[in-house]
Amino acid sequence: MLSSFMLTVLACTQEAPKGCDPSGDWSDWPDYVDGHQFLGYAWCADDGVDLELDLASFEAVGLAAAGVESDTVDAMAEWNALANPPTLVVASTDFSSPVSDTLRADDAAGTTTPAHSFDGFNVLVAANDLDPGWVGRVAVTKSWYDESNATQETDIVVYRYALRSDGTAEETDWAVASTPTAGQADLLYNQVHELGHVLGLDHSTYDASIMFDAQPDGVEYPGLAPGDIAAVEWLYSG
């Protein structure tokens, strides 16, 4: 369980060239908009972003499917309430992902989890995997984009265990569709953060932002900060 003072560190990663630029040439972008950096890409299609939610994988790591779906839909609603970003949609809840079981030797050896591969599906999945490349991280979003800098796919993996720097594992006590208590991490908070990466936001320098790179345990999702809103609306303002 996370201690009452521990921060849950969140992460994102990217591959391919810098991303879709709806606001002018990438080189002309500001370094920050209201404390936020950008990953360098964005969704260019007008028909929204469909994510396959692998509820079976969350159940496999002990998280209730109904609560996970509720938190995910609520997290999408936070971003969908804004005027400019593409609409985030749960395309299905019975998608079968290859990371829906327990720790595997290939992950312990440091190889890429199957959900983090380009296969044409935007996947939101849970795993018990301990990836040495993400010490302290309990969720990782990875995106791919093409030569025109338009996002082509994004995958999110939510981990039940965080890997400590000494190589041992620490279980994350997720509060699912409920108010977190001391030592718990709010899944809704996490889902909103990771979906911000899906949309193209990097981390914020402001600790009040949902895109700050550390999530305090025992803290309920506080809502999008003004900087979160300003950054994503700037990114998709055209």
C-alpha atoms as a PDB file:
ATOM      1  CA  MET A   1       0.000   0.000   0.000  1.00  0.00           C
ATOM      2  CA  LEU A   2       1.196   3.524  -0.656  1.00  0.00           C
ATOM      3  CA  SER A   3       2.131   5.415   2.467  1.00  0.00           C
ATOM      4  CA  SER A   4       0.170   8.534   3.346  1.00  0.00           C
ATOM      5  CA  PHE A   5       2.946  10.827   2.147  1.00  0.00           C
ATOM      6  CA  MET A   6       3.973   8.975  -0.991  1.00  0.00           C
ATOM      7  CA  LEU A   7       3.414  10.465  -4.423  1.00  0.00           C
ATOM      8  CA  THR A   8       2.162   8.237  -7.215  1.00  0.00           C
ATOM      9  CA  VAL A   9       4.345   9.157 -10.167  1.00  0.00           C
ATOM     10  CA  LEU A  10       2.643   9.193 -13.545  1.00  0.00           C
ATOM     11  CA  ALA A  11       4.366   8.832 -16.870  1.00  0.00           C
ATOM     12  CA  CYS A  12       4.068   9.130 -20.620  1.00  0.00           C
ATOM     13  CA  THR A  13       6.311   8.234 -23.502  1.00  0.00           C
ATOM     14  CA  GLN A  14       6.325   8.847 -27.238  1.00  0.00           C
ATOM     15  CA  GLU A  15       7.667   7.439 -30.482  1.00  0.00           C
ATOM     16  CA  ALA A  16       8.160   8.814 -34.008  1.00  0.00           C
ATOM     17  CA  PRO A  17       8.428  12.486 -35.087  1.00  0.00           C
ATOM     18  CA  LYS A  18       6.960  15.377 -33.135  1.00  0.00           C
ATOM     19  CA  GLY A  19       3.262  15.610 -33.485  1.00  0.00           C
ATOM     20  CA  CYS A  20       0.282  17.032 -35.213  1.00  0.00           C
ATOM     21  CA  ASP A  21       0.361  20.791 -35.057  1.00  0.00           C
ATOM     22  CA  PRO A  22      -3.081  22.411 -35.259  1.00  0.00           C
ATOM     23  CA  SER A  23      -1.699  25.790 -34.179  1.00  0.00           C
ATOM     24  CA  GLY A  24       1.151  26.444 -36.610  1.00  0.00           C
ATOM     25  CA  ASP A  25       4.646  25.123 -37.211  1.00  0.00           C
ATOM     26  CA  TRP A  26       5.971  23.040 -34.299  1.00  0.00           C
ATOM     27  CA  SER A  27       9.072  25.211 -34.070  1.00  0.00           C
ATOM     28  CA  ASP A  28       6.829  28.209 -33.384  1.00  0.00           C
ATOM     29  CA  TRP A  29       5.077  26.624 -30.426  1.00  0.00           C
ATOM     30  CA  PRO A  30       5.701  28.222 -27.031  1.00  0.00           C
ATOM     31  CA  ASP A  31       7.693  26.211 -24.511  1.00  0.00           C
ATOM     32  CA  TYR A  32       4.754  26.368 -22.111  1.00  0.00           C
ATOM     33  CA  VAL A  33       1.101  27.352 -22.080  1.00  0.00           C
ATOM     34  CA  ASP A  34       0.039  28.100 -18.523  1.00  0.00           C
ATOM     35  CA  GLY A  35       2.729  25.816 -17.110  1.00  0.00           C
ATOM     36  CA  HIS A  36       2.078  22.963 -19.553  1.00  0.00           C
ATOM     37  CA  GLN A  37       4.405  21.420 -22.074  1.00  0.00           C
ATOM     38  CA  PHE A  38       3.213  19.448 -25.091  1.00  0.00           C
ATOM     39  CA  LEU A  39       4.181  16.031 -26.407  1.00  0.00           C
ATOM     40  CA  GLY A  40       4.382  17.428 -29.928  1.00  0.00           C
ATOM     41  CA  TYR A  41       1.453  15.660 -31.537  1.00  0.00           C
ATOM     42  CA  ALA A  42      -2.343  15.711 -31.500  1.00  0.00           C
ATOM     43  CA  TRP A  43      -5.338  13.980 -33.016  1.00  0.00           C
ATOM     44  CA  CYS A  44      -6.197  15.422 -36.400  1.00  0.00           C
ATOM     45  CA  ALA A  45      -9.337  13.402 -37.218  1.00  0.00           C
ATOM     46  CA  ASP A  46     -12.712  14.979 -36.533  1.00  0.00           C
ATOM     47  CA  ASP A  47     -14.511  11.786 -35.519  1.00  0.00           C
ATOM     48  CA  GLY A  48     -13.217  11.464 -31.971  1.00  0.00           C
ATOM     49  CA  VAL A  49     -10.888   8.993 -30.281  1.00  0.00           C
ATOM     50  CA  ASP A  50     -12.165   5.469 -29.552  1.00  0.00           C
ATOM     51  CA  LEU A  51     -10.495   3.549 -26.724  1.00  0.00           C
ATOM     52  CA  GLU A  52     -10.874  -0.171 -26.160  1.00  0.00           C
ATOM     53  CA  LEU A  53     -11.339  -0.714 -22.425  1.00  0.00           C
ATOM     54  CA  ASP A  54     -10.145  -4.141 -21.338  1.00  0.00           C
ATOM     55  CA  LEU A  55     -12.263  -4.602 -18.220  1.00  0.00           C
ATOM     56  CA  ALA A  56     -11.208  -8.237 -17.848  1.00  0.00           C
ATOM     57  CA  SER A  57      -7.630  -7.095 -17.288  1.00  0.00           C
ATOM     58  CA  PHE A  58      -8.720  -4.795 -14.450  1.00  0.00           C
ATOM     59  CA  GLU A  59     -10.685  -7.619 -12.855  1.00  0.00           C
ATOM     60  CA  ALA A  60      -7.612  -9.843 -13.203  1.00  0.00           C
ATOM     61  CA  VAL A  61      -5.642  -7.459 -10.980  1.00  0.00           C
ATOM     62  CA  GLY A  62      -8.458  -7.175  -8.459  1.00  0.00           C
ATOM     63  CA  LEU A  63     -10.221  -3.977  -9.587  1.00  0.00           C
ATOM     64  CA  ALA A  64     -13.995  -4.049 -10.005  1.00  0.00           C
ATOM     65  CA  ALA A  65     -15.013  -3.735 -13.654  1.00  0.00           C
ATOM     66  CA  ALA A  66     -18.096  -1.600 -13.029  1.00  0.00           C
ATOM     67  CA  GLY A  67     -16.121   0.917 -10.998  1.00  0.00           C
ATOM     68  CA  VAL A  68     -13.296   1.065 -13.540  1.00  0.00           C
ATOM     69  CA  GLU A  69     -15.759   1.698 -16.356  1.00  0.00           C
ATOM     70  CA  SER A  70     -17.492   4.401 -14.312  1.00  0.00           C
ATOM     71  CA  ASP A  71     -14.217   6.169 -13.496  1.00  0.00           C
ATOM     72  CA  THR A  72     -13.065   5.948 -17.114  1.00  0.00           C
ATOM     73  CA  VAL A  73     -16.303   7.349 -18.527  1.00  0.00           C
ATOM     74  CA  ASP A  74     -16.266  10.128 -15.917  1.00  0.00           C
ATOM     75  CA  ALA A  75     -12.640  10.929 -16.781  1.00  0.00           C
ATOM     76  CA  MET A  76     -13.506  11.193 -20.468  1.00  0.00           C
ATOM     77  CA  ALA A  77     -16.417  13.489 -19.601  1.00  0.00           C
ATOM     78  CA  GLU A  78     -13.996  15.928 -17.966  1.00  0.00           C
ATOM     79  CA  TRP A  79     -12.109  16.460 -21.240  1.00  0.00           C
ATOM     80  CA  ASN A  80     -15.201  16.076 -23.425  1.00  0.00           C
ATOM     81  CA  ALA A  81     -16.839  19.024 -21.654  1.00  0.00           C
ATOM     82  CA  LEU A  82     -14.287  21.333 -23.281  1.00  0.00           C
ATOM     83  CA  ALA A  83     -15.008  22.915 -26.639  1.00  0.00           C
ATOM     84  CA  ASN A  84     -11.973  22.071 -28.742  1.00  0.00           C
ATOM     85  CA  PRO A  85     -10.450  18.611 -28.054  1.00  0.00           C
ATOM     86  CA  PRO A  86     -11.710  15.547 -29.929  1.00  0.00           C
ATOM     87  CA  THR A  87     -14.350  13.502 -28.136  1.00  0.00           C
ATOM     88  CA  LEU A  88     -13.031  10.554 -26.130  1.00  0.00           C
ATOM     89  CA  VAL A  89     -15.226   7.454 -26.344  1.00  0.00           C
ATOM     90  CA  VAL A  90     -15.166   3.942 -24.850  1.00  0.00           C
ATOM     91  CA  ALA A  91     -15.521   1.876 -28.026  1.00  0.00           C
ATOM     92  CA  SER A  92     -15.945  -1.432 -26.187  1.00  0.00           C
ATOM     93  CA  THR A  93     -15.419  -2.962 -22.760  1.00  0.00           C
ATOM     94  CA  ASP A  94     -14.691  -6.549 -23.770  1.00  0.00           C
ATOM     95  CA  PHE A  95     -11.502  -5.982 -25.745  1.00  0.00           C
ATOM     96  CA  SER A  96      -9.024  -8.796 -25.105  1.00  0.00           C
ATOM     97  CA  SER A  97      -5.552  -7.439 -24.454  1.00  0.00           C
ATOM     98  CA  PRO A  98      -2.388  -9.554 -24.214  1.00  0.00           C
ATOM     99  CA  VAL A  99      -1.378  -7.991 -20.871  1.00  0.00           C
ATOM    100  CA  SER A 100      -4.396  -9.071 -18.845  1.00  0.00           C
ATOM    101  CA  ASP A 101      -2.607 -11.601 -16.640  1.00  0.00           C
ATOM    102  CA  THR A 102       0.087 -11.525 -13.990  1.00  0.00           C
ATOM    103  CA  LEU A 103       3.803 -10.746 -14.046  1.00  0.00           C
ATOM    104  CA  ARG A 104       5.663 -12.364 -16.922  1.00  0.00           C
ATOM    105  CA  ALA A 105       9.342 -13.130 -17.260  1.00  0.00           C
ATOM    106  CA  ASP A 106       9.643 -11.053 -20.428  1.00  0.00           C
ATOM    107  CA  ASP A 107       8.560  -7.928 -18.525  1.00  0.00           C
ATOM    108  CA  ALA A 108      10.984  -8.680 -15.711  1.00  0.00           C
ATOM    109  CA  ALA A 109      13.678  -8.793 -18.376  1.00  0.00           C
ATOM    110  CA  GLY A 110      12.684  -5.322 -19.519  1.00  0.00           C
ATOM    111  CA  THR A 111      10.930  -6.008 -22.826  1.00  0.00           C
ATOM    112  CA  THR A 112       7.966  -3.956 -24.025  1.00  0.00           C
ATOM    113  CA  THR A 113       4.543  -5.073 -22.856  1.00  0.00           C
ATOM    114  CA  PRO A 114       2.316  -6.189 -25.754  1.00  0.00           C
ATOM    115  CA  ALA A 115      -0.202  -3.378 -25.188  1.00  0.00           C
ATOM    116  CA  HIS A 116       2.608  -0.949 -25.910  1.00  0.00           C
ATOM    117  CA  SER A 117       2.936  -2.007 -29.529  1.00  0.00           C
ATOM    118  CA  PHE A 118       1.476  -0.441 -32.653  1.00  0.00           C
ATOM    119  CA  ASP A 119      -1.457  -2.629 -33.669  1.00  0.00           C
ATOM    120  CA  GLY A 120      -4.190  -0.222 -34.730  1.00  0.00           C
ATOM    121  CA  PHE A 121      -6.100  -0.280 -31.417  1.00  0.00           C
ATOM    122  CA  ASN A 122      -6.224   2.392 -28.724  1.00  0.00           C
ATOM    123  CA  VAL A 123      -6.138   0.266 -25.584  1.00  0.00           C
ATOM    124  CA  LEU A 124      -6.747   0.992 -21.903  1.00  0.00           C
ATOM    125  CA  VAL A 125      -5.623  -2.030 -19.921  1.00  0.00           C
ATOM    126  CA  ALA A 126      -4.444  -3.059 -16.442  1.00  0.00           C
ATOM    127  CA  ALA A 127      -1.497  -5.285 -15.621  1.00  0.00           C
ATOM    128  CA  ASN A 128       0.518  -6.636 -12.722  1.00  0.00           C
ATOM    129  CA  ASP A 129       3.660  -6.306 -14.814  1.00  0.00           C
ATOM    130  CA  LEU A 130       6.786  -4.822 -13.275  1.00  0.00           C
ATOM    131  CA  ASP A 131       8.628  -2.949 -15.998  1.00  0.00           C
ATOM    132  CA  PRO A 132      12.199  -1.970 -14.972  1.00  0.00           C
ATOM    133  CA  GLY A 133      11.970   0.983 -17.345  1.00  0.00           C
ATOM    134  CA  TRP A 134       9.290   2.685 -15.237  1.00  0.00           C
ATOM    135  CA  VAL A 135      10.485   2.724 -11.637  1.00  0.00           C
ATOM    136  CA  GLY A 136       7.788   4.199  -9.406  1.00  0.00           C
ATOM    137  CA  ARG A 137       5.256   4.563 -12.201  1.00  0.00           C
ATOM    138  CA  VAL A 138       1.773   3.136 -11.797  1.00  0.00           C
ATOM    139  CA  ALA A 139       0.407   4.153 -15.204  1.00  0.00           C
ATOM    140  CA  VAL A 140       2.028   4.775 -18.583  1.00  0.00           C
ATOM    141  CA  THR A 141       0.609   6.219 -21.805  1.00  0.00           C
ATOM    142  CA  LYS A 142       2.407   5.617 -25.080  1.00  0.00           C
ATOM    143  CA  SER A 143       1.456   7.138 -28.440  1.00  0.00           C
ATOM    144  CA  TRP A 144       2.500   6.791 -32.057  1.00  0.00           C
ATOM    145  CA  TYR A 145       2.111   9.354 -34.800  1.00  0.00           C
ATOM    146  CA  ASP A 146       2.867   9.632 -38.512  1.00  0.00           C
ATOM    147  CA  GLU A 147       5.052  11.838 -40.713  1.00  0.00           C
ATOM    148  CA  SER A 148       2.400  14.550 -40.673  1.00  0.00           C
ATOM    149  CA  ASN A 149       2.578  14.538 -36.874  1.00  0.00           C
ATOM    150  CA  ALA A 150      -0.960  13.230 -36.425  1.00  0.00           C
ATOM    151  CA  THR A 151      -1.551  10.741 -33.614  1.00  0.00           C
ATOM    152  CA  GLN A 152      -2.263   7.276 -34.997  1.00  0.00           C
ATOM    153  CA  GLU A 153      -2.615   5.212 -31.833  1.00  0.00           C
ATOM    154  CA  THR A 154      -2.327   5.458 -28.083  1.00  0.00           C
ATOM    155  CA  ASP A 155      -2.140   2.791 -25.355  1.00  0.00           C
ATOM    156  CA  ILE A 156      -2.559   3.208 -21.609  1.00  0.00           C
ATOM    157  CA  VAL A 157      -1.422   0.589 -19.089  1.00  0.00           C
ATOM    158  CA  VAL A 158      -2.458   0.961 -15.441  1.00  0.00           C
ATOM    159  CA  TYR A 159      -0.228  -1.090 -13.130  1.00  0.00           C
ATOM    160  CA  ARG A 160      -1.331  -2.735  -9.883  1.00  0.00           C
ATOM    161  CA  TYR A 161       2.250  -2.680  -8.637  1.00  0.00           C
ATOM    162  CA  ALA A 162       4.905   0.011  -8.750  1.00  0.00           C
ATOM    163  CA  LEU A 163       8.538  -1.014  -9.002  1.00  0.00           C
ATOM    164  CA  ARG A 164      10.815   0.510  -6.386  1.00  0.00           C
ATOM    165  CA  SER A 165      14.362   1.562  -7.215  1.00  0.00           C
ATOM    166  CA  ASP A 166      15.681  -1.355  -5.153  1.00  0.00           C
ATOM    167  CA  GLY A 167      13.847  -3.796  -7.439  1.00  0.00           C
ATOM    168  CA  THR A 168      11.086  -4.698  -5.008  1.00  0.00           C
ATOM    169  CA  ALA A 169       7.396  -4.218  -5.767  1.00  0.00           C
ATOM    170  CA  GLU A 170       4.927  -1.977  -3.967  1.00  0.00           C
ATOM    171  CA  GLU A 171       1.229  -2.593  -4.438  1.00  0.00           C
ATOM    172  CA  THR A 172      -0.914   0.377  -5.411  1.00  0.00           C
ATOM    173  CA  ASP A 173      -4.156   0.487  -3.462  1.00  0.00           C
ATOM    174  CA  TRP A 174      -6.501   1.982  -6.063  1.00  0.00           C
ATOM    175  CA  ALA A 175      -9.700   3.703  -4.932  1.00  0.00           C
ATOM    176  CA  VAL A 176     -12.137   2.680  -7.672  1.00  0.00           C
ATOM    177  CA  ALA A 177     -15.332   4.727  -8.065  1.00  0.00           C
ATOM    178  CA  SER A 178     -14.921   5.825  -4.454  1.00  0.00           C
ATOM    179  CA  THR A 179     -13.319   8.540  -2.356  1.00  0.00           C
ATOM    180  CA  PRO A 180      -9.693   7.607  -1.605  1.00  0.00           C
ATOM    181  CA  THR A 181      -8.572   7.239   1.968  1.00  0.00           C
ATOM    182  CA  ALA A 182      -5.034   7.677   3.290  1.00  0.00           C
ATOM    183  CA  GLY A 183      -2.683   5.417   1.364  1.00  0.00           C
ATOM    184  CA  GLN A 184      -4.974   5.039  -1.646  1.00  0.00           C
ATOM    185  CA  ALA A 185      -4.600   6.388  -5.194  1.00  0.00           C
ATOM    186  CA  ASP A 186      -7.741   7.755  -6.853  1.00  0.00           C
ATOM    187  CA  LEU A 187      -8.285   5.884 -10.140  1.00  0.00           C
ATOM    188  CA  LEU A 188     -10.427   8.717 -11.536  1.00  0.00           C
ATOM    189  CA  TYR A 189      -7.560  11.163 -10.918  1.00  0.00           C
ATOM    190  CA  ASN A 190      -5.192   8.814 -12.735  1.00  0.00           C
ATOM    191  CA  GLN A 191      -7.531   8.264 -15.698  1.00  0.00           C
ATOM    192  CA  VAL A 192      -8.019  11.998 -16.246  1.00  0.00           C
ATOM    193  CA  HIS A 193      -4.228  12.487 -16.157  1.00  0.00           C
ATOM    194  CA  GLU A 194      -3.471   9.710 -18.622  1.00  0.00           C
ATOM    195  CA  LEU A 195      -6.211  10.884 -21.002  1.00  0.00           C
ATOM    196  CA  GLY A 196      -4.524  14.287 -20.959  1.00  0.00           C
ATOM    197  CA  HIS A 197      -1.464  12.539 -22.395  1.00  0.00           C
ATOM    198  CA  VAL A 198      -3.695  10.856 -24.977  1.00  0.00           C
ATOM    199  CA  LEU A 199      -4.793  14.310 -26.127  1.00  0.00           C
ATOM    200  CA  GLY A 200      -1.172  15.477 -26.399  1.00  0.00           C
ATOM    201  CA  LEU A 201      -0.424  17.222 -23.113  1.00  0.00           C
ATOM    202  CA  ASP A 202       2.881  16.663 -21.372  1.00  0.00           C
ATOM    203  CA  HIS A 203       3.377  17.346 -17.674  1.00  0.00           C
ATOM    204  CA  SER A 204       2.691  20.658 -15.986  1.00  0.00           C
ATOM    205  CA  THR A 205       5.036  22.566 -13.716  1.00  0.00           C
ATOM    206  CA  TYR A 206       2.123  23.405 -11.393  1.00  0.00           C
ATOM    207  CA  ASP A 207       1.344  20.932  -8.626  1.00  0.00           C
ATOM    208  CA  ALA A 208      -2.334  21.977  -8.660  1.00  0.00           C
ATOM    209  CA  SER A 209      -2.634  20.765 -12.252  1.00  0.00           C
ATOM    210  CA  ILE A 210      -4.050  17.328 -13.040  1.00  0.00           C
ATOM    211  CA  MET A 211      -1.100  17.051 -15.455  1.00  0.00           C
ATOM    212  CA  PHE A 212       1.505  17.468 -12.716  1.00  0.00           C
ATOM    213  CA  ASP A 213       3.768  14.420 -12.812  1.00  0.00           C
ATOM    214  CA  ALA A 214       2.986  13.185  -9.289  1.00  0.00           C
ATOM    215  CA  GLN A 215      -0.406  12.200  -7.903  1.00  0.00           C
ATOM    216  CA  PRO A 216      -0.739  12.579  -4.124  1.00  0.00           C
ATOM    217  CA  ASP A 217      -2.260   9.573  -2.456  1.00  0.00           C
ATOM    218  CA  GLY A 218      -5.381   9.925  -0.381  1.00  0.00           C
ATOM    219  CA  VAL A 219      -6.495  12.880  -2.518  1.00  0.00           C
ATOM    220  CA  GLU A 220      -9.745  12.876  -4.473  1.00  0.00           C
ATOM    221  CA  TYR A 221      -9.720  14.097  -8.078  1.00  0.00           C
ATOM    222  CA  PRO A 222     -10.031  17.902  -7.749  1.00  0.00           C
ATOM    223  CA  GLY A 223     -11.192  18.741 -11.273  1.00  0.00           C
ATOM    224  CA  LEU A 224      -9.257  20.221 -14.176  1.00  0.00           C
ATOM    225  CA  ALA A 225      -7.186  23.235 -13.246  1.00  0.00           C
ATOM    226  CA  PRO A 226      -7.467  26.418 -15.340  1.00  0.00           C
ATOM    227  CA  GLY A 227      -4.059  25.643 -16.827  1.00  0.00           C
ATOM    228  CA  ASP A 228      -5.147  22.167 -17.933  1.00  0.00           C
ATOM    229  CA  ILE A 229      -8.084  23.694 -19.766  1.00  0.00           C
ATOM    230  CA  ALA A 230      -6.065  26.528 -21.289  1.00  0.00           C
ATOM    231  CA  ALA A 231      -3.373  24.169 -22.566  1.00  0.00           C
ATOM    232  CA  VAL A 232      -5.615  21.606 -24.262  1.00  0.00           C
ATOM    233  CA  GLU A 233      -7.846  24.317 -25.759  1.00  0.00           C
ATOM    234  CA  TRP A 234      -4.781  26.083 -27.119  1.00  0.00           C
ATOM    235  CA  LEU A 235      -3.526  22.826 -28.602  1.00  0.00           C
ATOM    236  CA  TYR A 236      -6.770  22.239 -30.496  1.00  0.00           C
ATOM    237  CA  SER A 237      -7.698  25.833 -31.210  1.00  0.00           C
ATOM    238  CA  GLY A 238      -6.668  25.614 -34.882  1.00  0.00           C
END
